[in-house]
Structure formats: structure tokens, C-alpha cells
N, C-alpha and C. Protein backbone atom coordinates (compact mmCIF):
# COMPACT_ATOMS: atom_id res chain seq x y z
N MET A 1 24.09 33.64 -8.52
CA MET A 1 23.10 34.73 -8.63
C MET A 1 22.01 34.51 -7.79
N GLN A 2 21.91 35.99 -7.18
CA GLN A 2 20.77 36.01 -5.94
C GLN A 2 20.01 37.34 -6.14
N SER A 3 18.84 36.62 -5.83
CA SER A 3 17.50 37.70 -6.14
C SER A 3 16.70 38.08 -5.15
N THR A 4 16.12 39.01 -4.76
CA THR A 4 15.34 39.40 -3.53
C THR A 4 14.15 39.74 -3.94
N ARG A 5 13.04 38.95 -3.57
CA ARG A 5 11.53 39.32 -3.71
C ARG A 5 11.12 39.65 -2.71
N ILE A 6 10.21 40.84 -2.81
CA ILE A 6 9.55 41.06 -1.69
C ILE A 6 7.89 40.45 -1.71
N ILE A 7 7.46 39.82 -0.96
CA ILE A 7 5.72 39.15 -0.71
C ILE A 7 4.86 40.27 -0.60
N ARG A 8 4.12 40.47 -1.42
CA ARG A 8 3.10 41.61 -0.87
C ARG A 8 1.36 40.96 -1.00
N LEU A 9 1.46 40.83 0.23
CA LEU A 9 0.01 39.91 0.58
C LEU A 9 -1.05 40.70 0.14
N ASP A 10 -1.04 41.84 0.08
CA ASP A 10 -2.17 42.99 -0.34
C ASP A 10 -2.08 42.55 -1.94
N LYS A 11 -1.37 41.99 -2.41
CA LYS A 11 -1.68 41.79 -4.19
C LYS A 11 -2.03 40.48 -4.06
N VAL A 12 -1.83 39.50 -3.13
CA VAL A 12 -2.16 38.43 -3.74
C VAL A 12 -3.58 37.85 -2.82
N PHE A 13 -3.83 38.85 -1.90
CA PHE A 13 -5.25 38.20 -1.15
C PHE A 13 -6.11 39.67 -0.96
N GLY A 14 -5.94 40.67 -1.72
CA GLY A 14 -6.49 42.29 -1.84
C GLY A 14 -6.31 42.58 -0.55
N ARG A 15 -6.50 44.15 -0.73
CA ARG A 15 -6.08 45.09 0.28
C ARG A 15 -6.72 44.77 1.56
N ARG A 16 -8.21 44.32 1.59
CA ARG A 16 -8.72 44.36 2.75
C ARG A 16 -8.03 43.47 3.72
N ALA A 17 -7.59 42.17 2.86
CA ALA A 17 -7.30 40.95 4.06
C ALA A 17 -5.93 41.10 4.64
N VAL A 18 -5.26 42.42 4.31
CA VAL A 18 -4.16 42.69 5.27
C VAL A 18 -3.90 44.19 5.99
N ASN A 19 -5.31 44.70 5.87
CA ASN A 19 -5.79 46.01 6.43
C ASN A 19 -5.91 45.96 7.98
N PRO A 20 -4.78 46.36 8.80
CA PRO A 20 -4.92 45.99 10.30
C PRO A 20 -6.21 46.62 11.00
N PHE A 21 -7.08 47.55 10.10
CA PHE A 21 -8.02 48.17 10.69
C PHE A 21 -9.20 47.45 10.69
N ASN A 22 -9.00 46.31 9.67
CA ASN A 22 -10.24 45.66 9.29
C ASN A 22 -10.40 44.42 10.02
N SER A 23 -9.24 44.24 10.97
CA SER A 23 -8.84 42.86 11.45
C SER A 23 -9.40 42.77 12.79
N ARG A 24 -9.89 41.80 13.12
CA ARG A 24 -10.61 41.82 14.39
C ARG A 24 -9.91 42.16 15.59
N ASN A 25 -8.28 41.68 15.40
CA ASN A 25 -7.46 41.44 16.38
C ASN A 25 -6.51 42.92 15.76
N ALA A 26 -7.00 43.94 15.84
CA ALA A 26 -6.22 45.07 15.32
C ALA A 26 -4.89 45.27 16.19
N LEU A 27 -5.03 45.26 17.40
CA LEU A 27 -4.01 45.61 18.24
C LEU A 27 -2.82 44.69 17.83
N VAL A 28 -3.13 43.31 17.52
CA VAL A 28 -1.90 42.46 17.29
C VAL A 28 -1.60 42.86 15.87
N ALA A 29 -2.28 43.14 15.02
CA ALA A 29 -1.90 43.30 13.66
C ALA A 29 -1.05 44.61 13.58
N ARG A 30 -1.39 45.55 13.92
CA ARG A 30 -0.57 46.65 13.38
C ARG A 30 0.83 46.55 13.92
N PRO A 31 1.33 46.31 14.89
CA PRO A 31 2.98 46.08 14.97
C PRO A 31 3.27 45.38 14.32
N LEU A 32 2.83 44.13 13.71
CA LEU A 32 3.37 43.33 13.03
C LEU A 32 3.62 43.66 11.24
N LEU A 33 2.68 44.71 11.00
CA LEU A 33 2.73 45.43 9.57
C LEU A 33 3.90 46.64 9.77
N ARG A 34 3.83 47.06 10.92
CA ARG A 34 5.21 48.22 10.93
C ARG A 34 6.30 47.71 11.47
N ILE A 35 6.86 46.34 11.27
CA ILE A 35 8.35 46.06 11.58
C ILE A 35 9.30 46.85 10.34
N PRO A 36 10.14 47.50 10.59
CA PRO A 36 11.10 48.30 9.72
C PRO A 36 11.89 47.48 9.27
N GLY A 37 12.05 47.67 7.76
CA GLY A 37 12.51 46.81 6.59
C GLY A 37 11.49 46.10 6.00
N ALA A 38 11.70 45.88 4.97
CA ALA A 38 10.67 44.73 4.01
C ALA A 38 11.32 43.27 4.34
N ARG A 39 10.13 42.20 4.73
CA ARG A 39 10.55 41.10 4.76
C ARG A 39 10.99 40.31 3.07
N GLY A 40 11.70 39.67 3.04
CA GLY A 40 11.67 39.31 1.68
C GLY A 40 12.44 37.74 1.75
N ILE A 41 12.38 37.05 0.57
CA ILE A 41 12.62 35.64 0.47
C ILE A 41 14.44 35.98 -0.60
N THR A 42 15.21 35.13 -0.19
CA THR A 42 16.40 35.26 -0.79
C THR A 42 16.37 33.78 -1.79
N ILE A 43 16.48 34.07 -3.26
CA ILE A 43 16.44 32.77 -3.90
C ILE A 43 17.64 32.88 -4.50
N LYS A 44 18.23 31.49 -4.50
CA LYS A 44 19.69 31.23 -4.90
C LYS A 44 19.66 30.27 -6.14
N SER A 45 20.25 30.50 -7.36
CA SER A 45 19.69 29.57 -8.62
C SER A 45 21.21 28.96 -8.59
N VAL A 46 20.91 27.64 -8.51
CA VAL A 46 22.03 26.69 -8.42
C VAL A 46 21.93 25.89 -9.82
N PRO A 47 23.01 25.28 -10.20
CA PRO A 47 23.07 24.52 -11.51
C PRO A 47 21.81 23.01 -11.32
N ALA A 48 21.51 22.64 -12.73
CA ALA A 48 20.59 21.52 -12.58
C ALA A 48 21.18 20.41 -11.60
N SER A 49 22.46 19.99 -12.07
CA SER A 49 23.45 18.77 -11.28
C SER A 49 23.33 19.03 -9.82
N SER A 50 23.15 20.10 -9.09
CA SER A 50 23.25 20.08 -7.61
C SER A 50 22.17 19.91 -7.08
N GLN A 51 21.28 20.25 -7.94
CA GLN A 51 19.63 20.23 -7.31
C GLN A 51 19.36 18.80 -6.89
N SER A 52 19.57 17.87 -7.73
CA SER A 52 19.50 16.70 -6.96
C SER A 52 19.77 16.17 -5.89
N ASP A 53 21.12 16.74 -5.85
CA ASP A 53 22.09 16.39 -4.33
C ASP A 53 21.26 17.26 -3.43
N ILE A 54 21.17 18.24 -3.63
CA ILE A 54 20.43 19.13 -2.24
C ILE A 54 19.08 18.66 -2.07
N LEU A 55 18.57 18.04 -2.79
CA LEU A 55 17.03 17.66 -2.65
C LEU A 55 17.16 16.13 -1.90
N ASN A 56 18.29 15.43 -2.26
CA ASN A 56 18.61 14.24 -1.29
C ASN A 56 19.23 14.63 -0.18
N ALA A 57 19.75 15.37 -0.09
CA ALA A 57 20.56 15.98 1.18
C ALA A 57 19.17 16.45 2.43
N GLN A 58 18.30 17.02 1.75
CA GLN A 58 17.08 17.57 2.36
C GLN A 58 16.47 16.15 2.74
N ARG A 59 16.03 15.05 1.78
CA ARG A 59 15.51 13.77 2.36
C ARG A 59 15.86 13.06 3.41
N LEU A 60 17.29 12.95 3.51
CA LEU A 60 17.89 12.49 4.46
C LEU A 60 17.66 13.10 6.09
N LEU A 61 17.29 14.28 5.89
CA LEU A 61 16.88 15.12 7.14
C LEU A 61 15.78 15.10 7.76
N ARG A 62 14.76 14.35 6.64
CA ARG A 62 12.98 14.52 7.06
C ARG A 62 13.30 13.30 7.92
N PRO A 63 11.94 13.36 8.92
CA PRO A 63 11.83 12.24 9.62
C PRO A 63 11.05 11.20 9.01
N SER A 64 11.42 9.86 9.19
CA SER A 64 10.32 8.79 8.45
C SER A 64 9.16 8.56 9.41
N SER A 65 8.18 8.11 8.31
CA SER A 65 7.11 8.04 8.93
C SER A 65 6.94 6.71 9.82
N PRO A 66 6.02 7.22 11.18
CA PRO A 66 6.10 5.93 11.95
C PRO A 66 4.98 4.83 11.77
N HIS A 67 4.45 4.82 10.80
CA HIS A 67 3.32 3.98 10.62
C HIS A 67 3.20 2.83 11.10
N PHE A 68 4.35 2.10 10.97
CA PHE A 68 3.90 0.71 11.75
C PHE A 68 4.13 0.56 13.00
N THR A 69 4.97 1.62 13.43
CA THR A 69 5.32 1.50 15.07
C THR A 69 4.26 2.10 15.81
N ILE A 70 3.17 2.93 15.32
CA ILE A 70 2.34 3.75 16.25
C ILE A 70 1.04 3.17 16.11
N TYR A 71 0.98 2.68 14.95
CA TYR A 71 -0.38 2.26 14.56
C TYR A 71 -0.87 0.99 15.11
N GLU A 72 -2.13 0.33 15.78
CA GLU A 72 -2.51 -0.79 16.06
C GLU A 72 -2.84 -1.65 14.94
N PRO A 73 -2.14 -3.04 14.58
CA PRO A 73 -2.75 -3.49 13.55
C PRO A 73 -4.25 -3.80 13.50
N GLN A 74 -4.90 -3.53 12.56
CA GLN A 74 -6.16 -4.06 12.02
C GLN A 74 -6.57 -4.67 10.94
N ILE A 75 -7.37 -5.61 11.11
CA ILE A 75 -7.99 -6.59 10.22
C ILE A 75 -7.90 -6.13 8.53
N THR A 76 -8.28 -4.85 8.77
CA THR A 76 -8.80 -4.12 7.29
C THR A 76 -7.16 -4.36 6.45
N TRP A 77 -6.35 -3.62 7.21
CA TRP A 77 -5.27 -3.77 6.37
C TRP A 77 -4.40 -5.08 6.73
N LEU A 78 -4.46 -5.54 7.81
CA LEU A 78 -3.67 -6.99 7.29
C LEU A 78 -4.71 -7.89 6.33
N ALA A 79 -5.84 -7.71 6.14
CA ALA A 79 -6.45 -8.39 5.04
C ALA A 79 -6.41 -7.87 3.79
N SER A 80 -5.83 -6.69 3.49
CA SER A 80 -5.57 -6.09 2.51
C SER A 80 -4.16 -6.43 1.88
N ILE A 81 -3.20 -6.39 2.75
CA ILE A 81 -1.95 -6.78 2.53
C ILE A 81 -1.91 -8.68 2.02
N ALA A 82 -2.62 -9.16 2.79
CA ALA A 82 -2.96 -10.53 2.63
C ALA A 82 -3.50 -10.98 1.18
N ASN A 83 -4.46 -10.41 1.09
CA ASN A 83 -4.92 -10.44 -0.30
C ASN A 83 -3.94 -10.35 -1.45
N ARG A 84 -3.13 -9.25 -1.38
CA ARG A 84 -2.54 -8.68 -2.25
C ARG A 84 -1.40 -9.97 -2.44
N ILE A 85 -0.71 -10.37 -1.31
CA ILE A 85 0.46 -11.40 -1.46
C ILE A 85 -0.03 -12.69 -1.71
N THR A 86 -1.40 -13.19 -1.42
CA THR A 86 -1.74 -14.51 -1.76
C THR A 86 -2.30 -14.17 -3.45
N GLY A 87 -2.58 -13.30 -3.83
CA GLY A 87 -2.84 -13.14 -5.57
C GLY A 87 -1.66 -13.36 -6.16
N SER A 88 -0.53 -12.46 -5.75
CA SER A 88 0.59 -12.44 -6.24
C SER A 88 1.18 -13.78 -6.30
N ALA A 89 1.35 -14.51 -5.15
CA ALA A 89 1.54 -16.13 -5.23
C ALA A 89 1.17 -16.67 -5.85
N LEU A 90 -0.29 -16.66 -6.00
CA LEU A 90 -1.02 -18.08 -6.80
C LEU A 90 -1.07 -17.52 -8.37
N SER A 91 -0.54 -16.21 -8.55
CA SER A 91 -0.41 -15.92 -9.99
C SER A 91 0.86 -16.58 -10.48
N VAL A 92 1.85 -16.07 -9.71
CA VAL A 92 3.30 -16.75 -9.69
C VAL A 92 3.36 -18.34 -10.16
N LEU A 93 2.69 -19.16 -9.19
CA LEU A 93 2.51 -20.47 -9.10
C LEU A 93 1.89 -20.85 -10.37
N LEU A 94 0.84 -19.92 -11.08
CA LEU A 94 -0.01 -20.34 -11.99
C LEU A 94 0.72 -20.44 -13.23
N TYR A 95 1.61 -18.99 -13.44
CA TYR A 95 2.42 -18.78 -14.71
C TYR A 95 3.58 -19.55 -14.60
N GLY A 96 4.18 -19.97 -13.47
CA GLY A 96 5.27 -20.74 -13.47
C GLY A 96 5.12 -22.37 -13.80
N PHE A 97 3.68 -22.62 -13.36
CA PHE A 97 3.65 -23.99 -13.68
C PHE A 97 3.33 -24.33 -15.36
N SER A 98 2.53 -23.12 -15.96
CA SER A 98 2.29 -23.08 -17.21
C SER A 98 3.53 -22.83 -18.10
N ILE A 99 4.21 -22.17 -17.64
CA ILE A 99 5.52 -21.88 -18.79
C ILE A 99 6.26 -23.37 -18.70
N ALA A 100 6.59 -23.80 -17.30
CA ALA A 100 6.99 -25.50 -17.17
C ALA A 100 6.40 -26.38 -18.63
N TYR A 101 5.05 -26.57 -18.00
CA TYR A 101 4.34 -27.46 -18.92
C TYR A 101 4.61 -27.37 -20.04
N LEU A 102 4.56 -26.09 -20.86
CA LEU A 102 4.83 -25.45 -21.98
C LEU A 102 6.31 -26.10 -22.49
N ILE A 103 6.98 -25.41 -22.10
CA ILE A 103 8.49 -25.67 -22.08
C ILE A 103 9.49 -26.88 -21.47
N GLY A 104 8.91 -27.28 -21.06
CA GLY A 104 9.16 -29.01 -20.18
C GLY A 104 9.55 -29.99 -21.40
N PRO A 105 8.68 -30.17 -22.38
CA PRO A 105 9.12 -31.46 -23.51
C PRO A 105 10.43 -30.37 -24.25
N VAL A 106 10.16 -29.19 -24.43
CA VAL A 106 11.34 -28.79 -25.66
C VAL A 106 12.70 -29.02 -25.06
N ILE A 107 12.90 -28.73 -23.44
CA ILE A 107 14.03 -29.05 -22.91
C ILE A 107 14.38 -30.46 -22.41
N GLY A 108 13.53 -31.10 -22.34
CA GLY A 108 13.87 -32.45 -22.10
C GLY A 108 13.29 -32.81 -20.78
N VAL A 109 12.60 -31.86 -19.89
CA VAL A 109 12.02 -32.37 -18.47
C VAL A 109 10.39 -32.77 -18.67
N PRO A 110 9.99 -33.73 -18.36
CA PRO A 110 8.72 -34.21 -18.33
C PRO A 110 7.84 -33.52 -17.44
N VAL A 111 6.59 -32.75 -17.65
CA VAL A 111 6.03 -32.04 -16.86
C VAL A 111 4.40 -32.28 -17.34
N ASP A 112 4.23 -33.21 -17.97
CA ASP A 112 2.93 -33.44 -18.33
C ASP A 112 2.31 -34.13 -17.28
N SER A 113 1.20 -34.12 -17.44
CA SER A 113 0.21 -34.63 -16.31
C SER A 113 0.45 -36.22 -15.49
N ALA A 114 1.01 -36.97 -16.60
CA ALA A 114 0.91 -38.44 -16.13
C ALA A 114 2.30 -38.45 -15.34
N HIS A 115 3.29 -37.38 -15.53
CA HIS A 115 4.47 -37.50 -14.47
C HIS A 115 4.10 -36.57 -13.26
N VAL A 116 3.59 -35.43 -13.41
CA VAL A 116 3.03 -34.97 -12.19
C VAL A 116 2.16 -35.46 -11.22
N VAL A 117 1.49 -36.58 -11.83
CA VAL A 117 0.45 -37.43 -10.88
C VAL A 117 1.62 -38.69 -10.19
N GLU A 118 2.51 -38.76 -10.97
CA GLU A 118 3.50 -40.01 -10.74
C GLU A 118 4.19 -39.51 -9.49
N LEU A 119 4.68 -38.12 -9.84
CA LEU A 119 5.68 -37.33 -8.61
C LEU A 119 4.96 -37.34 -7.21
N ALA A 120 3.42 -36.75 -7.66
CA ALA A 120 2.62 -36.79 -6.33
C ALA A 120 2.29 -38.30 -5.40
N HIS A 121 2.15 -39.02 -6.26
CA HIS A 121 2.09 -40.69 -5.69
C HIS A 121 3.12 -41.10 -5.24
N GLN A 122 4.27 -40.59 -5.32
CA GLN A 122 5.51 -40.91 -4.88
C GLN A 122 6.19 -40.01 -3.61
N LEU A 123 5.46 -39.18 -3.42
CA LEU A 123 6.03 -38.18 -1.85
C LEU A 123 5.17 -38.98 -0.98
N PRO A 124 6.20 -38.57 0.46
CA PRO A 124 5.34 -39.20 1.86
C PRO A 124 4.19 -38.31 1.97
N GLU A 125 3.57 -38.81 3.07
CA GLU A 125 2.40 -38.19 3.35
C GLU A 125 2.38 -36.85 4.09
N TRP A 126 3.26 -36.74 4.70
CA TRP A 126 3.65 -35.34 5.24
C TRP A 126 4.04 -34.11 4.06
N ALA A 127 4.69 -34.07 2.88
CA ALA A 127 4.96 -33.64 2.08
C ALA A 127 3.64 -33.22 1.28
N LYS A 128 2.88 -34.51 1.01
CA LYS A 128 1.53 -34.04 0.28
C LYS A 128 0.68 -33.32 1.10
N VAL A 129 0.37 -33.48 2.21
CA VAL A 129 -0.10 -32.54 3.00
C VAL A 129 0.44 -30.98 3.01
N SER A 130 1.73 -31.21 3.27
CA SER A 130 2.36 -29.84 3.43
C SER A 130 1.92 -28.91 1.86
N ALA A 131 2.44 -29.68 0.91
CA ALA A 131 2.06 -29.29 -0.11
C ALA A 131 0.42 -28.65 -0.60
N LYS A 132 -0.43 -29.37 -0.01
CA LYS A 132 -1.97 -29.09 -0.40
C LYS A 132 -2.26 -28.05 0.66
N THR A 133 -1.69 -27.72 1.92
CA THR A 133 -1.67 -26.83 2.43
C THR A 133 -1.44 -25.68 2.12
N LEU A 134 -0.27 -25.59 1.63
CA LEU A 134 0.47 -24.47 1.09
C LEU A 134 -0.43 -23.79 -0.36
N LEU A 135 -1.05 -24.77 -0.97
CA LEU A 135 -1.82 -24.13 -1.99
C LEU A 135 -3.10 -23.88 -1.81
N ALA A 136 -3.89 -24.44 -0.66
CA ALA A 136 -5.20 -24.56 -0.32
C ALA A 136 -5.21 -22.83 0.51
N ALA A 137 -4.61 -22.89 1.26
CA ALA A 137 -4.65 -21.70 2.06
C ALA A 137 -4.65 -20.43 1.32
N PRO A 138 -3.92 -20.22 0.51
CA PRO A 138 -3.86 -18.69 0.14
C PRO A 138 -4.85 -19.18 -1.08
N PHE A 139 -5.34 -19.76 -1.64
CA PHE A 139 -6.41 -20.02 -2.88
C PHE A 139 -7.80 -19.59 -1.77
N ALA A 140 -8.25 -20.37 -0.57
CA ALA A 140 -9.34 -20.13 0.13
C ALA A 140 -9.43 -18.81 0.56
N PHE A 141 -8.37 -18.60 1.01
CA PHE A 141 -8.11 -16.91 1.33
C PHE A 141 -8.37 -15.89 0.36
N HIS A 142 -7.74 -15.94 -0.46
CA HIS A 142 -8.06 -15.20 -1.94
C HIS A 142 -9.41 -15.15 -2.38
N SER A 143 -10.05 -16.15 -2.47
CA SER A 143 -11.39 -16.58 -2.85
C SER A 143 -12.57 -15.78 -2.19
N LEU A 144 -12.09 -15.94 -0.87
CA LEU A 144 -13.38 -15.66 0.19
C LEU A 144 -13.06 -13.93 0.18
N ASN A 145 -12.14 -13.85 0.78
CA ASN A 145 -11.66 -12.42 0.26
C ASN A 145 -12.08 -11.41 -0.62
N GLY A 146 -11.97 -12.29 -2.45
CA GLY A 146 -12.67 -11.55 -3.16
C GLY A 146 -14.10 -11.32 -3.06
N ILE A 147 -14.74 -12.39 -2.67
CA ILE A 147 -16.27 -12.61 -2.34
C ILE A 147 -16.65 -11.24 -1.24
N ARG A 148 -15.81 -11.14 -0.40
CA ARG A 148 -15.97 -9.88 0.26
C ARG A 148 -15.80 -8.32 -0.28
N HIS A 149 -14.78 -8.45 -1.07
CA HIS A 149 -14.73 -7.40 -2.10
C HIS A 149 -16.09 -6.93 -2.90
N LEU A 150 -16.42 -8.10 -3.24
CA LEU A 150 -17.64 -8.13 -4.33
C LEU A 150 -18.65 -7.53 -3.39
N ALA A 151 -19.19 -7.91 -2.28
CA ALA A 151 -19.85 -7.29 -1.44
C ALA A 151 -19.98 -5.85 -0.84
N TRP A 152 -18.73 -5.29 -1.15
CA TRP A 152 -18.05 -3.99 -1.02
C TRP A 152 -18.54 -3.18 -2.25
N ASP A 153 -18.45 -3.73 -3.76
CA ASP A 153 -18.43 -3.39 -4.52
C ASP A 153 -20.33 -2.99 -4.91
N SER A 154 -20.80 -3.97 -4.20
CA SER A 154 -22.49 -3.49 -4.18
C SER A 154 -22.79 -3.04 -3.18
N THR A 155 -22.33 -2.20 -2.28
CA THR A 155 -22.10 -1.47 -1.24
C THR A 155 -23.25 -2.13 0.02
N LYS A 156 -22.42 -2.96 0.07
CA LYS A 156 -22.93 -4.16 0.82
C LYS A 156 -21.62 -4.11 1.95
N LEU A 157 -22.09 -4.44 3.77
CA LEU A 157 -21.25 -4.50 4.61
C LEU A 157 -20.04 -3.16 4.67
N MET A 158 -20.90 -2.16 4.39
CA MET A 158 -19.86 -0.81 4.35
C MET A 158 -19.20 -0.03 5.84
N SER A 159 -20.30 -0.30 6.80
CA SER A 159 -19.96 0.19 8.23
C SER A 159 -18.50 -0.39 8.41
N VAL A 160 -18.08 0.08 9.60
CA VAL A 160 -16.90 -0.14 10.17
C VAL A 160 -16.94 -1.59 11.02
N LYS A 161 -18.10 -1.65 11.74
CA LYS A 161 -18.70 -2.58 12.57
C LYS A 161 -18.70 -4.00 11.39
N ALA A 162 -19.03 -3.82 10.29
CA ALA A 162 -19.47 -4.79 9.39
C ALA A 162 -17.99 -5.01 8.51
N VAL A 163 -17.26 -4.26 8.37
CA VAL A 163 -15.85 -4.36 7.95
C VAL A 163 -15.07 -5.35 8.45
N THR A 164 -15.16 -4.79 9.90
CA THR A 164 -13.99 -5.60 10.84
C THR A 164 -14.77 -7.58 10.79
N ARG A 165 -16.06 -7.14 11.12
CA ARG A 165 -16.75 -8.50 11.23
C ARG A 165 -16.64 -9.38 9.86
N SER A 166 -16.59 -8.83 8.73
CA SER A 166 -16.52 -9.68 7.58
C SER A 166 -14.94 -10.27 7.28
N GLY A 167 -14.16 -9.32 8.02
CA GLY A 167 -12.40 -9.83 7.95
C GLY A 167 -12.63 -10.83 8.59
N TYR A 168 -12.71 -11.05 10.21
CA TYR A 168 -12.85 -12.18 10.72
C TYR A 168 -13.64 -13.33 10.20
N ALA A 169 -14.75 -13.04 9.64
CA ALA A 169 -15.59 -14.12 9.20
C ALA A 169 -14.71 -14.81 7.83
N VAL A 170 -13.87 -13.90 7.24
CA VAL A 170 -13.24 -14.56 5.95
C VAL A 170 -12.15 -15.47 6.80
N LEU A 171 -11.49 -14.96 7.67
CA LEU A 171 -10.29 -15.50 8.19
C LEU A 171 -10.91 -16.99 8.60
N ALA A 172 -11.93 -16.82 9.34
CA ALA A 172 -12.53 -18.24 10.02
C ALA A 172 -12.88 -19.17 8.62
N ALA A 173 -13.61 -18.58 7.76
CA ALA A 173 -13.92 -19.26 6.77
C ALA A 173 -12.95 -20.23 6.05
N SER A 174 -11.91 -19.37 5.59
CA SER A 174 -10.36 -19.64 5.11
C SER A 174 -9.77 -20.84 5.79
N ALA A 175 -9.94 -20.82 7.23
CA ALA A 175 -9.23 -21.70 8.06
C ALA A 175 -10.19 -22.97 7.71
N VAL A 176 -11.55 -22.92 7.97
CA VAL A 176 -12.52 -24.40 7.54
C VAL A 176 -12.07 -24.77 6.05
N SER A 177 -12.20 -23.88 5.22
CA SER A 177 -12.07 -24.16 3.82
C SER A 177 -10.67 -24.88 3.41
N THR A 178 -9.85 -24.77 4.18
CA THR A 178 -8.30 -25.04 4.09
C THR A 178 -8.37 -26.33 4.44
N VAL A 179 -8.56 -26.69 5.64
CA VAL A 179 -8.73 -27.70 6.31
C VAL A 179 -9.50 -28.94 5.35
N TYR A 180 -10.61 -28.50 4.99
CA TYR A 180 -11.36 -29.21 3.87
C TYR A 180 -10.70 -29.61 2.96
N LEU A 181 -10.02 -28.73 2.24
CA LEU A 181 -9.60 -28.87 1.06
C LEU A 181 -8.15 -29.82 0.99
N VAL A 182 -7.59 -29.65 2.24
CA VAL A 182 -6.38 -30.50 2.59
C VAL A 182 -6.86 -31.77 2.90
N LEU A 183 -8.34 -32.15 3.54
CA LEU A 183 -8.22 -33.50 3.79
C LEU A 183 -9.15 -34.17 2.77
N MET A 184 -9.47 -33.72 1.31
CA MET A 184 -10.09 -34.01 0.25
C MET A 184 -9.01 -35.12 -0.40
């Protein structure tokens, strides 16, 4: 089923909006309004099942946004992404260890404090340093970047220059904190 509708701009915007004599460019507007035949839109009704197919086909033809390919990486969005990743990783580790600590005795796997300390004592030195670094780096960065966000919440460091400088300061302080925590 097809239907045709004629768009009447004078009904939508009022008569004065489309009056060529009120226009600043009256010489251009008059010929456009005197085109023979009415301009219309053809609307075709389609069943609901094929609407999603048409929409998916249209989406495939759309260009994808070149966001990563055209923008230069900035400390602001890199720190934001890293903050989310480190927060998620620390949460997964915390919940994973907590669940293992609670369920371990039930299934016969010892995860109590004495066994964890014994396991850490038996590891070679390189494994201890690696494990401490993998825990200390995200913890230091996420904690310090959280302080940076608290400063923003109190409307401090809000200029572009201050945001950039605080991002680099968080990276530097995270590196120093990670080294300190690993060497403890």
C-alpha cells in the first residue's frame, strides 16, 4: 500500500516563512516555489517482520566512525579507559579471591591465610616480584586517579592544561608508587 503526502511548509512554519516576497533572496525563492507539480513523499507500508531486515541493511551501508583512526590519543581518554580497566580488574580479583576463600573449604581446596602465605613463600623471587607488580600497578593507578577525580568533583583542576598535567602526574606517581609497593 502506498500513500502520498504533500509537505506544506506554510502549515508547519507559518505563511510568512515561505512567502517569497518576504524573503531576503526573493529572486532565488520565487522560482523554487513555482516548480510545476507538487513535491511529495511516498510512504510504503511494510510488514513488521521485514522492518528489521531493512534497518539492518541500511546500517551495513552506513560508514563507521573513524574515532580511533583520526584522533590523536590524549591523556584524558587514555586515563579514563585505564581507570575503568584497572577498577574492573581489581574488582574481579577481589571477588574471585573472596569466593575462593569462602568456597575453598567446602570443595576441599585450602585457600585460608596460612596456605596462601605458604604458597607465596614457596614461589621463586621473580614470580613474587611479577605478582606484586601485577597487583600494585593497577591499585596505585586506580587509587591516584580516584583522587584526581575527587579533585574534579570539588571543581579543582578543571582547565584543560590542569587536566592534562594532572593526568601525567597520576602516571608518574603511579610508577613511583608501584616501585615502592613492589620493593616493600
